[in-house]
Amino acid sequence: MFVAVLSDKPELREKFCKLMGNETRKDDISFYSASYGGRILTLVEPTLYPDKIQPLLYSLSIADCVVVLVDALTPKVGEMIVALNAMRMDKGILVSGVQLPLAGTILDKYQKAADMDAAKEKLLALQRDAAGENMMALVDQALSVKSVGNMALGIVKSGKITKHEKLFLLPAKKEIEVRSIQINDADAEEAPAGSRFGIAYKGEPLERGVLVPLRNEFQVEQVVNGRFSKSPFFKDELKGRIHAYTNMQFVEGTVTDNDLTLLQPLAFEKGEIILVVDASNQKLRIVGTFQSKW
């Protein structure tokens, strides 16, 4: 199970992650691995947030649930709540000693914990929701390793990745063939839903994106038709460029009531909720959502 650990204070996030497990990678998002009774939890920490909005969104795309740590109500705590609402992250644990305006927000559904130790116990009792059968994974890092070749690291959201399978990375439409799979530094024949994988593959170098079978339901477009819904918490006039975000893709463009027009292609499914982001806004960077047409 993947757990996003959120706070506007990096030191609180790091403290909870180290309470749970050991750091396995540190970058704009960091990963911690925790093993309890043969069950593996992967914690995702948005290291460069709140300076940058992208790590928060990447972490939420990966996560099955969240732990939210709050010691004071600040504008960035408000931004996290808006992001959680927009991405419909309805499974989580809230650790807070302060009163928060939760009524009408998705955090009202979260379990409440008095401190980090109590949150740890509640987290260990949570179960991952059943995943669909259609394979979909997110690649968060790609690299080239001497004597191994091209590798990609990521997480399986649904279905499974198997050795020798041919896959597409979207939106780049790069085809790869899986040569080998590792899970927790051990060779494996497949990577099931809920696992963090490393694959060696045959094909061009990859970047962050969506990994799917060659036959899939995704569209890759620069103009997305649908409906824009502005967040009631975003009070500024929307002028000029925005960014569209979904599934590890952060693409510049413009938005109207019925269209997203982007500078680069975006991979999405029919009816998908895409975030509209004003990355330079000093108050709230989550503008609203855009639902692609069915």
Protein backbone atom coordinates (compact mmCIF):
# COMPACT_ATOMS: atom_id res chain seq x y z
CA MET A 1 0.00 0.00 0.00
CA PHE A 2 1.20 3.51 -0.83
CA VAL A 3 0.79 6.26 1.76
CA ALA A 4 1.31 9.97 1.09
CA VAL A 5 2.56 11.78 4.19
CA LEU A 6 1.47 15.41 4.06
CA SER A 7 2.18 18.53 6.08
CA ASP A 8 3.12 22.10 5.29
CA LYS A 9 6.17 21.49 7.53
CA PRO A 10 8.85 19.17 6.04
CA GLU A 11 10.20 18.29 9.50
CA LEU A 12 6.83 16.81 10.53
CA ARG A 13 6.64 14.71 7.38
CA GLU A 14 10.17 13.41 7.86
CA LYS A 15 9.56 12.62 11.53
CA PHE A 16 6.52 10.48 10.75
CA CYS A 17 8.21 8.72 7.84
CA LYS A 18 11.19 7.79 10.01
CA LEU A 19 8.83 6.57 12.72
CA MET A 20 7.37 4.16 10.16
CA GLY A 21 10.34 2.95 8.13
CA ASN A 22 13.61 3.59 6.29
CA GLU A 23 14.32 6.03 3.50
CA THR A 24 14.94 4.34 0.14
CA ARG A 25 15.13 7.36 -2.17
CA LYS A 26 15.32 11.13 -1.76
CA ASP A 27 14.47 13.52 -4.60
CA ASP A 28 11.62 15.98 -5.24
CA ILE A 29 9.51 13.15 -3.81
CA SER A 30 11.07 10.74 -1.32
CA PHE A 31 10.20 7.13 -0.53
CA TYR A 32 10.33 5.20 2.73
CA SER A 33 9.76 1.46 3.06
CA ALA A 34 8.13 -0.09 6.11
CA SER A 35 7.60 -3.83 6.70
CA TYR A 36 5.17 -5.11 9.34
CA GLY A 37 4.34 -8.79 9.64
CA GLY A 38 5.28 -9.47 6.05
CA ARG A 39 3.21 -6.54 4.80
CA ILE A 40 5.05 -3.73 3.03
CA LEU A 41 3.98 -0.10 3.21
CA THR A 42 5.61 2.47 0.93
CA LEU A 43 5.49 6.03 2.26
CA VAL A 44 5.70 8.89 -0.23
CA GLU A 45 6.87 12.28 1.03
CA PRO A 46 6.60 15.44 -1.16
CA THR A 47 10.10 16.67 -0.28
CA LEU A 48 10.07 19.98 -2.17
CA TYR A 49 6.56 20.98 -1.07
CA PRO A 50 5.45 23.67 -0.26
CA ASP A 51 8.08 25.46 -2.38
CA LYS A 52 6.79 23.59 -5.43
CA ILE A 53 3.28 22.26 -6.00
CA GLN A 54 4.30 19.33 -8.25
CA PRO A 55 5.67 17.03 -5.50
CA LEU A 56 2.36 17.25 -3.64
CA LEU A 57 0.45 16.23 -6.76
CA TYR A 58 2.89 13.45 -7.66
CA SER A 59 2.57 12.04 -4.14
CA LEU A 60 -1.23 12.06 -4.30
CA SER A 61 -1.24 10.31 -7.69
CA ILE A 62 0.84 7.50 -6.21
CA ALA A 63 -1.01 7.19 -2.90
CA ASP A 64 -3.78 4.80 -1.87
CA CYS A 65 -4.32 6.80 1.33
CA VAL A 66 -2.82 9.77 3.17
CA VAL A 67 -1.61 10.80 6.60
CA VAL A 68 -2.10 14.54 7.15
CA LEU A 69 -0.09 16.21 9.94
CA VAL A 70 -1.29 19.65 11.03
CA ASP A 71 -0.11 21.75 13.99
CA ALA A 72 -1.55 25.09 12.82
CA LEU A 73 -4.01 26.30 10.21
CA THR A 74 -1.94 27.99 7.48
CA PRO A 75 -2.60 28.90 3.82
CA LYS A 76 -0.59 25.85 2.69
CA VAL A 77 -2.69 23.55 4.92
CA GLY A 78 -5.70 25.04 3.14
CA GLU A 79 -4.02 24.30 -0.21
CA MET A 80 -3.47 20.66 0.80
CA ILE A 81 -7.15 20.33 1.73
CA VAL A 82 -8.20 21.77 -1.65
CA ALA A 83 -5.83 19.35 -3.44
CA LEU A 84 -7.16 16.36 -1.49
CA ASN A 85 -10.72 17.40 -2.34
CA ALA A 86 -9.91 17.92 -6.01
CA MET A 87 -8.17 14.54 -6.33
CA ARG A 88 -10.94 12.82 -4.33
CA MET A 89 -8.53 11.24 -1.87
CA ASP A 90 -11.13 9.93 0.57
CA LYS A 91 -9.07 7.49 2.66
CA GLY A 92 -6.80 9.01 5.26
CA ILE A 93 -5.77 9.77 8.81
CA LEU A 94 -5.65 13.29 10.25
CA VAL A 95 -3.25 14.12 13.07
CA SER A 96 -4.07 17.53 14.49
CA GLY A 97 -4.46 19.29 17.80
CA VAL A 98 -6.11 22.35 16.26
CA GLN A 99 -9.63 22.99 15.02
CA LEU A 100 -9.82 22.78 11.22
CA PRO A 101 -12.66 23.80 8.87
CA LEU A 102 -13.38 20.23 7.74
CA ALA A 103 -17.15 20.40 7.23
CA GLY A 104 -17.93 19.77 3.59
CA THR A 105 -14.38 18.65 2.80
CA ILE A 106 -13.12 15.14 2.14
CA LEU A 107 -11.04 15.29 5.34
CA ASP A 108 -14.26 15.06 7.33
CA LYS A 109 -14.24 11.33 6.39
CA TYR A 110 -10.70 10.74 7.69
CA GLN A 111 -9.90 8.88 10.87
CA LYS A 112 -8.64 11.21 13.58
CA ALA A 113 -5.49 10.54 15.62
CA ALA A 114 -4.17 12.43 18.63
CA ASP A 115 -0.50 11.96 17.78
CA MET A 116 1.91 10.19 15.42
CA ASP A 117 1.99 6.97 17.42
CA ALA A 118 -1.79 6.70 17.28
CA ALA A 119 -1.68 7.48 13.54
CA LYS A 120 0.86 4.67 13.04
CA GLU A 121 -1.47 2.15 14.69
CA LYS A 122 -4.44 3.30 12.62
CA LEU A 123 -2.36 3.21 9.43
CA LEU A 124 -1.25 -0.36 10.04
CA ALA A 125 -4.92 -1.37 10.33
CA LEU A 126 -5.88 0.14 6.96
CA GLN A 127 -6.23 -2.07 3.90
CA ARG A 128 -5.70 -1.15 0.28
CA ASP A 129 -8.89 -1.03 -1.78
CA ALA A 130 -9.24 -3.72 -4.43
CA ALA A 131 -7.57 -2.69 -7.69
CA GLY A 132 -8.95 -3.16 -11.18
CA GLU A 133 -7.65 -5.80 -13.57
CA ASN A 134 -6.49 -3.43 -16.32
CA MET A 135 -2.77 -2.76 -15.91
CA MET A 136 -1.83 0.83 -15.18
CA ALA A 137 1.41 1.96 -13.56
CA LEU A 138 3.14 5.26 -12.93
CA VAL A 139 6.83 5.80 -13.69
CA ASP A 140 8.41 8.31 -11.31
CA GLN A 141 12.09 7.82 -12.22
CA ALA A 142 14.10 6.49 -15.16
CA LEU A 143 17.82 5.86 -15.31
CA SER A 144 20.54 4.01 -17.17
CA VAL A 145 22.61 1.51 -15.19
CA LYS A 146 25.93 0.16 -16.43
CA SER A 147 25.73 -3.56 -17.25
CA VAL A 148 21.92 -3.47 -16.86
CA GLY A 149 20.82 -0.82 -19.37
CA ASN A 150 17.71 1.31 -19.21
CA MET A 151 15.64 1.03 -16.03
CA ALA A 152 12.41 2.56 -14.76
CA LEU A 153 11.13 2.85 -11.20
CA GLY A 154 7.48 3.22 -10.39
CA ILE A 155 4.34 1.88 -8.79
CA VAL A 156 1.58 -0.41 -10.05
CA LYS A 157 -1.86 1.15 -9.53
CA SER A 158 -3.90 -1.72 -11.00
CA GLY A 159 -3.39 -5.02 -12.78
CA LYS A 160 0.19 -6.32 -12.94
CA ILE A 161 3.40 -6.03 -14.94
CA THR A 162 4.92 -9.29 -16.16
CA LYS A 163 8.32 -10.18 -17.62
CA HIS A 164 8.63 -9.97 -21.42
CA GLU A 165 5.43 -7.91 -21.64
CA LYS A 166 5.33 -5.05 -24.15
CA LEU A 167 4.04 -1.74 -22.77
CA PHE A 168 3.53 1.90 -23.75
CA LEU A 169 4.73 4.91 -21.78
CA LEU A 170 2.29 7.77 -22.27
CA PRO A 171 2.06 10.58 -23.26
CA ALA A 172 5.34 9.99 -25.16
CA LYS A 173 3.96 6.82 -26.84
CA LYS A 174 7.24 4.99 -26.27
CA GLU A 175 7.06 1.21 -26.60
CA ILE A 176 9.17 -0.93 -24.29
CA GLU A 177 9.63 -4.62 -23.55
CA VAL A 178 10.12 -5.66 -19.91
CA ARG A 179 13.35 -7.66 -19.55
CA SER A 180 13.41 -8.13 -15.79
CA ILE A 181 11.53 -7.01 -12.66
CA GLN A 182 12.69 -6.30 -9.14
CA ILE A 183 10.55 -5.71 -6.05
CA ASN A 184 12.37 -4.69 -2.85
CA ASP A 185 15.72 -5.51 -4.53
CA ALA A 186 14.63 -9.10 -5.25
CA ASP A 187 14.02 -10.54 -8.73
CA ALA A 188 10.37 -11.23 -9.51
CA GLU A 189 8.32 -12.66 -12.37
CA GLU A 190 5.63 -10.02 -11.99
CA ALA A 191 4.81 -6.79 -10.16
CA PRO A 192 1.22 -6.81 -8.82
CA ALA A 193 -0.98 -3.86 -7.91
CA GLY A 194 0.28 -2.08 -4.80
CA SER A 195 3.95 -2.85 -5.42
CA ARG A 196 6.87 -0.54 -6.06
CA PHE A 197 8.93 -1.92 -8.92
CA GLY A 198 12.16 -1.52 -10.77
CA ILE A 199 12.18 -2.84 -14.32
CA ALA A 200 14.98 -3.25 -16.82
CA TYR A 201 13.56 -2.85 -20.31
CA LYS A 202 14.35 -2.84 -24.00
CA GLY A 203 13.52 0.51 -25.57
CA GLU A 204 14.24 4.24 -25.51
CA PRO A 205 14.99 6.12 -22.27
CA LEU A 206 11.76 6.99 -20.45
CA GLU A 207 10.53 9.91 -18.39
CA ARG A 208 7.74 10.29 -15.86
CA GLY A 209 4.38 9.20 -17.12
CA VAL A 210 1.75 6.48 -17.38
CA LEU A 211 2.69 2.89 -18.23
CA VAL A 212 -0.09 0.90 -19.93
CA PRO A 213 -0.53 -2.13 -22.21
CA LEU A 214 -0.29 -1.61 -25.97
CA ARG A 215 -4.08 -1.93 -26.14
CA ASN A 216 -5.53 0.60 -23.70
CA GLU A 217 -8.30 3.14 -23.19
CA PHE A 218 -6.11 6.24 -22.88
CA GLN A 219 -6.30 9.21 -25.22
CA VAL A 220 -3.28 11.40 -25.93
CA GLU A 221 -4.31 14.90 -27.01
CA GLN A 222 -3.24 18.54 -26.90
CA VAL A 223 -6.84 19.75 -26.86
CA VAL A 224 -9.10 18.14 -24.25
CA ASN A 225 -12.84 18.71 -24.42
CA GLY A 226 -14.92 18.67 -21.27
CA ARG A 227 -15.99 20.97 -18.45
CA PHE A 228 -13.95 23.26 -16.19
CA SER A 229 -15.04 23.76 -12.57
CA LYS A 230 -13.28 26.53 -10.69
CA SER A 231 -12.62 25.88 -7.00
CA PRO A 232 -14.77 28.08 -4.72
CA PHE A 233 -11.59 28.71 -2.70
CA PHE A 234 -9.70 30.19 -5.67
CA LYS A 235 -10.59 33.88 -5.55
CA ASP A 236 -8.21 35.37 -8.14
CA GLU A 237 -8.90 36.07 -11.78
CA LEU A 238 -7.39 33.37 -13.96
CA LYS A 239 -5.17 35.07 -16.52
CA GLY A 240 -2.69 33.60 -18.99
CA ARG A 241 -1.08 30.20 -18.71
CA ILE A 242 -2.11 27.39 -16.42
CA HIS A 243 -0.84 23.84 -15.98
CA ALA A 244 -2.92 20.70 -16.36
CA TYR A 245 -1.99 17.85 -14.03
CA THR A 246 -2.82 14.16 -14.03
CA ASN A 247 -0.82 10.96 -13.42
CA MET A 248 2.72 12.39 -13.21
CA GLN A 249 2.09 14.79 -16.12
CA PHE A 250 2.35 18.55 -15.58
CA VAL A 251 1.63 20.31 -18.88
CA GLU A 252 1.39 24.03 -19.63
CA GLY A 253 -1.59 25.45 -21.50
CA THR A 254 -4.78 27.48 -21.24
CA VAL A 255 -8.30 26.64 -20.08
CA THR A 256 -11.81 27.77 -21.00
CA ASP A 257 -15.16 26.53 -19.74
CA ASN A 258 -15.10 23.64 -22.22
CA ASP A 259 -11.51 23.14 -23.42
CA LEU A 260 -7.98 22.56 -22.22
CA THR A 261 -5.51 23.65 -24.88
CA LEU A 262 -2.02 22.41 -24.07
CA LEU A 263 1.49 23.00 -25.39
CA GLN A 264 2.28 19.28 -25.22
CA PRO A 265 0.12 16.14 -25.40
CA LEU A 266 -1.58 14.83 -22.25
CA ALA A 267 -2.58 11.19 -21.63
CA PHE A 268 -6.00 10.75 -20.02
CA GLU A 269 -9.05 8.51 -19.98
CA LYS A 270 -12.58 9.55 -20.90
CA GLY A 271 -14.25 11.22 -17.94
CA GLU A 272 -10.99 11.66 -16.07
CA ILE A 273 -10.62 14.50 -13.56
CA ILE A 274 -7.64 16.70 -14.49
CA LEU A 275 -6.34 19.35 -12.09
CA VAL A 276 -5.95 22.94 -13.25
CA VAL A 277 -3.01 24.60 -11.53
CA ASP A 278 -1.67 28.17 -11.30
CA ALA A 279 1.86 27.29 -10.21
CA SER A 280 2.95 30.91 -9.65
CA ASN A 281 0.01 31.95 -7.47
CA GLN A 282 1.17 33.12 -4.06
CA LYS A 283 -2.02 32.17 -2.20
CA LEU A 284 -3.62 29.04 -3.70
CA ARG A 285 -2.20 27.10 -6.63
CA ILE A 286 -5.10 24.68 -7.16
CA VAL A 287 -7.46 26.55 -9.50
CA GLY A 288 -10.02 23.81 -9.98
CA THR A 289 -10.71 20.68 -11.99
CA PHE A 290 -11.42 19.85 -15.61
CA GLN A 291 -13.44 16.73 -16.34
CA SER A 292 -12.71 15.30 -19.76
CA LYS A 293 -15.66 14.43 -21.95
CA TRP A 294 -17.07 10.90 -21.79
